[in-house]
């Protein structure tokens, strides 16, 4: 009876860890800025994320954890669908068209993500 519980706990821990990639998978040597309207917004842990319609393509932008976003004044309303954003950060070396934001600017307000 203990084996199924242990297996379930192990599965839950490993699947969560696999879903959250480390910051080492972004190329800090190639900073970029993605600007445009927000198409989707997920304000949830382990970190918030949005998709942005840039001039060239749609980008997935990984933001900070929600607690940090809230503490710095980046509420869910600030990164809501339809808002125009400028995100400065680093492209993923693993996922095509994904970046990690170092800072964002929305409604004239700049928020540091780190």
N, C-alpha and C. Protein backbone atom coordinates (compact mmCIF):
# COMPACT_ATOMS: atom_id res chain seq x y z
N UNK A 1 0.81 -1.19 0.00
CA UNK A 1 0.00 0.00 0.00
C UNK A 1 0.86 1.26 0.00
N UNK A 2 2.03 1.20 0.60
CA UNK A 2 2.89 2.38 0.66
C UNK A 2 3.53 2.67 -0.70
N UNK A 3 3.76 1.65 -1.54
CA UNK A 3 4.41 1.86 -2.82
C UNK A 3 3.60 2.76 -3.76
N UNK A 4 2.27 2.58 -3.89
CA UNK A 4 1.52 3.48 -4.77
C UNK A 4 1.57 4.93 -4.29
N UNK A 5 1.55 5.14 -2.99
CA UNK A 5 1.60 6.51 -2.46
C UNK A 5 2.98 7.12 -2.74
N UNK A 6 4.03 6.35 -2.50
CA UNK A 6 5.38 6.84 -2.76
C UNK A 6 5.57 7.14 -4.25
N UNK A 7 5.04 6.27 -5.11
CA UNK A 7 5.15 6.49 -6.56
C UNK A 7 4.40 7.76 -6.96
N UNK A 8 3.22 7.96 -6.42
CA UNK A 8 2.43 9.15 -6.75
C UNK A 8 3.15 10.42 -6.29
N UNK A 9 3.75 10.38 -5.13
CA UNK A 9 4.48 11.55 -4.63
C UNK A 9 5.70 11.82 -5.49
N UNK A 10 6.43 10.79 -5.85
CA UNK A 10 7.60 10.94 -6.70
C UNK A 10 7.21 11.50 -8.07
N UNK A 11 6.13 10.99 -8.65
CA UNK A 11 5.66 11.47 -9.94
C UNK A 11 5.28 12.94 -9.87
N UNK A 12 4.59 13.33 -8.82
CA UNK A 12 4.18 14.73 -8.66
C UNK A 12 5.38 15.64 -8.57
N UNK A 13 6.39 15.25 -7.84
CA UNK A 13 7.59 16.07 -7.68
C UNK A 13 8.39 16.16 -8.97
N UNK A 14 8.56 15.06 -9.67
CA UNK A 14 9.38 15.08 -10.89
C UNK A 14 8.65 15.78 -12.03
N UNK A 15 7.36 15.66 -12.13
CA UNK A 15 6.65 16.33 -13.22
C UNK A 15 6.64 17.83 -13.01
N UNK A 16 6.57 18.29 -11.76
CA UNK A 16 6.63 19.72 -11.49
C UNK A 16 8.01 20.25 -11.82
N UNK A 17 9.05 19.53 -11.44
CA UNK A 17 10.42 19.98 -11.72
C UNK A 17 10.68 20.02 -13.22
N UNK A 18 10.17 19.07 -13.95
CA UNK A 18 10.39 19.04 -15.39
C UNK A 18 9.67 20.19 -16.08
N UNK A 19 8.55 20.61 -15.56
CA UNK A 19 7.78 21.68 -16.18
C UNK A 19 8.44 23.04 -15.98
N UNK A 20 9.22 23.21 -14.93
CA UNK A 20 9.86 24.48 -14.65
C UNK A 20 11.33 24.41 -15.05
N UNK A 21 11.66 25.06 -16.14
CA UNK A 21 13.04 25.03 -16.63
C UNK A 21 13.87 26.08 -15.90
N UNK A 22 15.16 25.86 -15.88
CA UNK A 22 16.05 26.79 -15.20
C UNK A 22 16.37 28.00 -16.07
N UNK A 23 16.87 29.04 -15.42
CA UNK A 23 17.21 30.26 -16.15
C UNK A 23 18.43 30.08 -17.04
N UNK A 24 19.18 29.00 -16.87
CA UNK A 24 20.34 28.74 -17.70
C UNK A 24 20.00 28.43 -19.15
N UNK A 25 18.73 28.23 -19.45
CA UNK A 25 18.33 27.90 -20.81
C UNK A 25 17.98 29.15 -21.63
N UNK A 26 18.46 30.31 -21.19
CA UNK A 26 18.26 31.56 -21.92
C UNK A 26 19.61 32.16 -22.25
N UNK A 27 19.75 32.76 -23.42
CA UNK A 27 21.03 33.26 -23.91
C UNK A 27 21.20 34.74 -23.58
N UNK A 28 21.87 35.04 -22.45
CA UNK A 28 22.09 36.41 -22.01
C UNK A 28 23.01 37.19 -22.94
N UNK A 29 23.70 36.51 -23.84
CA UNK A 29 24.59 37.19 -24.80
C UNK A 29 23.81 37.77 -25.98
N UNK A 30 22.51 37.46 -26.07
CA UNK A 30 21.70 37.93 -27.20
C UNK A 30 20.43 38.63 -26.71
N UNK A 31 20.57 39.74 -25.98
CA UNK A 31 19.37 40.43 -25.48
C UNK A 31 18.49 40.92 -26.63
N UNK A 32 17.20 40.96 -26.37
CA UNK A 32 16.26 41.43 -27.38
C UNK A 32 15.10 42.13 -26.71
N UNK A 33 14.38 42.89 -27.50
CA UNK A 33 13.16 43.57 -27.03
C UNK A 33 12.01 43.10 -27.90
N UNK A 34 10.95 42.66 -27.24
CA UNK A 34 9.73 42.24 -27.91
C UNK A 34 8.65 43.24 -27.52
N UNK A 35 7.98 43.82 -28.51
CA UNK A 35 6.95 44.82 -28.23
C UNK A 35 5.71 44.54 -29.06
N UNK A 36 4.55 44.76 -28.43
CA UNK A 36 3.29 44.59 -29.13
C UNK A 36 2.17 44.31 -28.15
N UNK A 37 1.01 44.00 -28.68
CA UNK A 37 -0.14 43.71 -27.82
C UNK A 37 -0.03 42.32 -27.18
N UNK A 38 -0.54 42.22 -25.96
CA UNK A 38 -0.58 40.94 -25.25
C UNK A 38 -1.77 40.14 -25.77
N UNK A 39 -1.50 38.92 -26.24
CA UNK A 39 -2.56 38.05 -26.77
C UNK A 39 -3.13 37.13 -25.71
N UNK A 40 -2.26 36.59 -24.84
CA UNK A 40 -2.70 35.73 -23.74
C UNK A 40 -1.91 36.10 -22.50
N UNK A 41 -2.48 35.84 -21.33
CA UNK A 41 -1.81 36.15 -20.07
C UNK A 41 -2.16 35.08 -19.05
N UNK A 42 -1.10 34.49 -18.45
CA UNK A 42 -1.29 33.51 -17.37
C UNK A 42 -0.55 34.05 -16.15
N UNK A 43 -1.29 34.43 -15.14
CA UNK A 43 -0.73 35.00 -13.92
C UNK A 43 -0.80 33.92 -12.85
N UNK A 44 0.16 32.99 -12.94
CA UNK A 44 0.18 31.84 -12.03
C UNK A 44 1.61 31.39 -11.81
N UNK A 45 1.82 30.61 -10.74
CA UNK A 45 3.15 30.11 -10.43
C UNK A 45 3.46 28.87 -11.26
N UNK A 46 4.71 28.56 -11.55
CA UNK A 46 5.89 29.11 -10.89
C UNK A 46 6.26 30.52 -11.36
N UNK A 47 5.74 30.98 -12.50
CA UNK A 47 5.96 32.34 -12.95
C UNK A 47 4.87 32.71 -13.93
N UNK A 48 4.60 33.99 -14.03
CA UNK A 48 3.61 34.47 -14.99
C UNK A 48 4.19 34.38 -16.39
N UNK A 49 3.31 34.31 -17.37
CA UNK A 49 3.76 34.32 -18.76
C UNK A 49 2.69 34.95 -19.63
N UNK A 50 3.13 35.50 -20.74
CA UNK A 50 2.24 36.13 -21.69
C UNK A 50 2.68 35.75 -23.10
N UNK A 51 1.80 35.92 -24.06
CA UNK A 51 2.21 35.85 -25.46
C UNK A 51 2.00 37.24 -26.04
N UNK A 52 2.95 37.64 -26.88
CA UNK A 52 2.96 39.00 -27.44
C UNK A 52 3.04 38.90 -28.95
N UNK A 53 2.17 39.66 -29.62
CA UNK A 53 2.22 39.73 -31.08
C UNK A 53 3.22 40.81 -31.47
N UNK A 54 4.46 40.40 -31.73
CA UNK A 54 5.49 41.34 -32.16
C UNK A 54 5.36 41.57 -33.66
N UNK A 55 6.17 42.44 -34.20
CA UNK A 55 6.11 42.75 -35.63
C UNK A 55 6.40 41.53 -36.49
N UNK A 56 7.30 40.64 -35.99
CA UNK A 56 7.73 39.51 -36.81
C UNK A 56 7.03 38.20 -36.52
N UNK A 57 6.57 37.99 -35.28
CA UNK A 57 5.94 36.73 -34.89
C UNK A 57 5.36 36.85 -33.49
N UNK A 58 4.72 35.78 -33.05
CA UNK A 58 4.19 35.73 -31.69
C UNK A 58 5.27 35.15 -30.78
N UNK A 59 5.55 35.85 -29.68
CA UNK A 59 6.54 35.43 -28.70
C UNK A 59 5.86 35.01 -27.41
N UNK A 60 6.38 33.98 -26.77
CA UNK A 60 6.01 33.64 -25.41
C UNK A 60 7.03 34.32 -24.51
N UNK A 61 6.53 35.13 -23.57
CA UNK A 61 7.40 35.89 -22.69
C UNK A 61 7.21 35.37 -21.26
N UNK A 62 8.29 34.83 -20.70
CA UNK A 62 8.27 34.34 -19.33
C UNK A 62 8.58 35.50 -18.41
N UNK A 63 7.70 35.73 -17.45
CA UNK A 63 7.84 36.83 -16.52
C UNK A 63 8.34 36.31 -15.17
N UNK A 64 8.19 37.09 -14.12
CA UNK A 64 8.64 36.72 -12.78
C UNK A 64 7.57 35.90 -12.06
N UNK A 65 7.91 35.32 -10.91
CA UNK A 65 6.89 34.68 -10.08
C UNK A 65 5.82 35.71 -9.69
N UNK A 66 4.61 35.25 -9.47
CA UNK A 66 3.52 36.19 -9.20
C UNK A 66 3.74 37.02 -7.94
N UNK A 67 4.37 36.45 -6.92
CA UNK A 67 4.62 37.21 -5.69
C UNK A 67 5.54 38.40 -5.98
N UNK A 68 6.57 38.20 -6.78
CA UNK A 68 7.48 39.28 -7.14
C UNK A 68 6.76 40.31 -8.00
N UNK A 69 5.96 39.83 -8.94
CA UNK A 69 5.22 40.75 -9.80
C UNK A 69 4.30 41.64 -8.95
N UNK A 70 3.58 41.03 -8.03
CA UNK A 70 2.67 41.79 -7.16
C UNK A 70 3.43 42.80 -6.31
N UNK A 71 4.54 42.36 -5.70
CA UNK A 71 5.34 43.24 -4.85
C UNK A 71 5.90 44.44 -5.61
N UNK A 72 6.10 44.30 -6.89
CA UNK A 72 6.68 45.38 -7.69
C UNK A 72 5.63 46.18 -8.47
N UNK A 73 4.36 45.88 -8.22
CA UNK A 73 3.29 46.65 -8.84
C UNK A 73 2.82 46.14 -10.18
N UNK A 74 3.19 44.92 -10.54
CA UNK A 74 2.74 44.34 -11.80
C UNK A 74 1.58 43.39 -11.52
N UNK A 75 0.42 43.96 -11.41
CA UNK A 75 -0.79 43.19 -11.12
C UNK A 75 -1.25 42.43 -12.36
N UNK A 76 -2.19 41.51 -12.19
CA UNK A 76 -2.74 40.82 -13.37
C UNK A 76 -3.33 41.81 -14.37
N UNK A 77 -3.89 42.90 -13.89
CA UNK A 77 -4.48 43.90 -14.78
C UNK A 77 -3.43 44.61 -15.64
N UNK A 78 -2.21 44.75 -15.10
CA UNK A 78 -1.15 45.42 -15.85
C UNK A 78 -0.72 44.59 -17.06
N UNK A 79 -0.73 43.26 -16.93
CA UNK A 79 -0.31 42.38 -18.03
C UNK A 79 -1.51 41.65 -18.63
N UNK A 80 -2.62 42.35 -18.72
CA UNK A 80 -3.86 41.76 -19.23
C UNK A 80 -3.86 41.73 -20.77
N UNK A 81 -4.65 40.83 -21.30
CA UNK A 81 -4.84 40.72 -22.75
C UNK A 81 -5.29 42.07 -23.29
N UNK A 82 -4.67 42.46 -24.40
CA UNK A 82 -5.03 43.71 -25.06
C UNK A 82 -4.09 44.87 -24.73
N UNK A 83 -3.37 44.79 -23.60
CA UNK A 83 -2.41 45.83 -23.25
C UNK A 83 -1.23 45.75 -24.21
N UNK A 84 -0.58 46.88 -24.45
CA UNK A 84 0.63 46.90 -25.26
C UNK A 84 1.83 46.89 -24.32
N UNK A 85 2.78 46.02 -24.60
CA UNK A 85 3.93 45.81 -23.73
C UNK A 85 5.22 45.88 -24.51
N UNK A 86 6.27 46.28 -23.82
CA UNK A 86 7.63 46.16 -24.33
C UNK A 86 8.38 45.33 -23.30
N UNK A 87 8.96 44.22 -23.73
CA UNK A 87 9.68 43.33 -22.83
C UNK A 87 11.12 43.20 -23.30
N UNK A 88 12.06 43.48 -22.39
CA UNK A 88 13.48 43.33 -22.68
C UNK A 88 13.96 42.08 -21.96
N UNK A 89 14.69 41.21 -22.67
CA UNK A 89 15.18 40.00 -22.03
C UNK A 89 16.03 39.17 -22.96
N UNK A 90 15.98 37.85 -22.72
CA UNK A 90 16.88 36.94 -23.40
C UNK A 90 16.10 35.79 -24.05
N UNK A 91 16.50 35.41 -25.27
CA UNK A 91 15.80 34.32 -25.96
C UNK A 91 16.15 32.96 -25.36
N UNK A 92 15.20 32.06 -25.45
CA UNK A 92 15.41 30.68 -24.99
C UNK A 92 16.35 29.96 -25.94
N UNK A 93 17.17 29.09 -25.37
CA UNK A 93 18.02 28.23 -26.20
C UNK A 93 17.34 26.88 -26.43
N UNK A 94 16.16 26.70 -25.83
CA UNK A 94 15.44 25.43 -25.90
C UNK A 94 14.13 25.57 -26.67
N UNK A 95 13.34 26.57 -26.33
CA UNK A 95 12.02 26.76 -26.92
C UNK A 95 12.05 27.88 -27.97
N UNK A 96 11.62 27.55 -29.18
CA UNK A 96 11.57 28.54 -30.26
C UNK A 96 10.57 29.64 -29.90
N UNK A 97 10.91 30.87 -30.17
CA UNK A 97 10.03 32.03 -29.98
C UNK A 97 9.63 32.26 -28.52
N UNK A 98 10.52 31.90 -27.60
CA UNK A 98 10.29 32.15 -26.18
C UNK A 98 11.43 33.00 -25.65
N UNK A 99 11.11 33.89 -24.70
CA UNK A 99 12.12 34.70 -24.05
C UNK A 99 11.80 34.85 -22.57
N UNK A 100 12.83 35.16 -21.80
CA UNK A 100 12.67 35.49 -20.38
C UNK A 100 12.84 36.99 -20.25
N UNK A 101 11.86 37.66 -19.66
CA UNK A 101 11.92 39.11 -19.52
C UNK A 101 12.74 39.52 -18.31
N UNK A 102 13.63 40.46 -18.51
CA UNK A 102 14.37 41.10 -17.42
C UNK A 102 13.58 42.30 -16.90
N UNK A 103 12.92 42.99 -17.84
CA UNK A 103 12.08 44.13 -17.46
C UNK A 103 10.97 44.29 -18.49
N UNK A 104 9.86 44.83 -18.04
CA UNK A 104 8.75 45.10 -18.93
C UNK A 104 8.30 46.54 -18.75
N UNK A 105 7.72 47.11 -19.81
CA UNK A 105 7.13 48.44 -19.73
C UNK A 105 5.72 48.35 -20.28
N UNK A 106 4.77 48.75 -19.45
CA UNK A 106 3.35 48.75 -19.81
C UNK A 106 2.74 50.03 -19.25
N UNK A 107 1.93 50.72 -20.05
CA UNK A 107 1.27 51.95 -19.61
C UNK A 107 2.26 52.97 -19.05
N UNK A 108 3.47 53.02 -19.64
CA UNK A 108 4.48 53.98 -19.19
C UNK A 108 5.17 53.60 -17.89
N UNK A 109 4.87 52.42 -17.36
CA UNK A 109 5.46 51.96 -16.10
C UNK A 109 6.44 50.83 -16.40
N UNK A 110 7.69 50.98 -15.92
CA UNK A 110 8.70 49.94 -16.11
C UNK A 110 8.87 49.14 -14.83
N UNK A 111 8.84 47.81 -14.97
CA UNK A 111 8.94 46.89 -13.84
C UNK A 111 10.13 45.97 -14.08
N UNK A 112 11.03 45.88 -13.11
CA UNK A 112 12.14 44.94 -13.16
C UNK A 112 11.63 43.56 -12.72
N UNK A 113 11.96 42.53 -13.49
CA UNK A 113 11.50 41.19 -13.18
C UNK A 113 12.42 40.43 -12.24
N UNK A 114 13.69 40.81 -12.14
CA UNK A 114 14.63 40.11 -11.29
C UNK A 114 14.74 40.75 -9.95
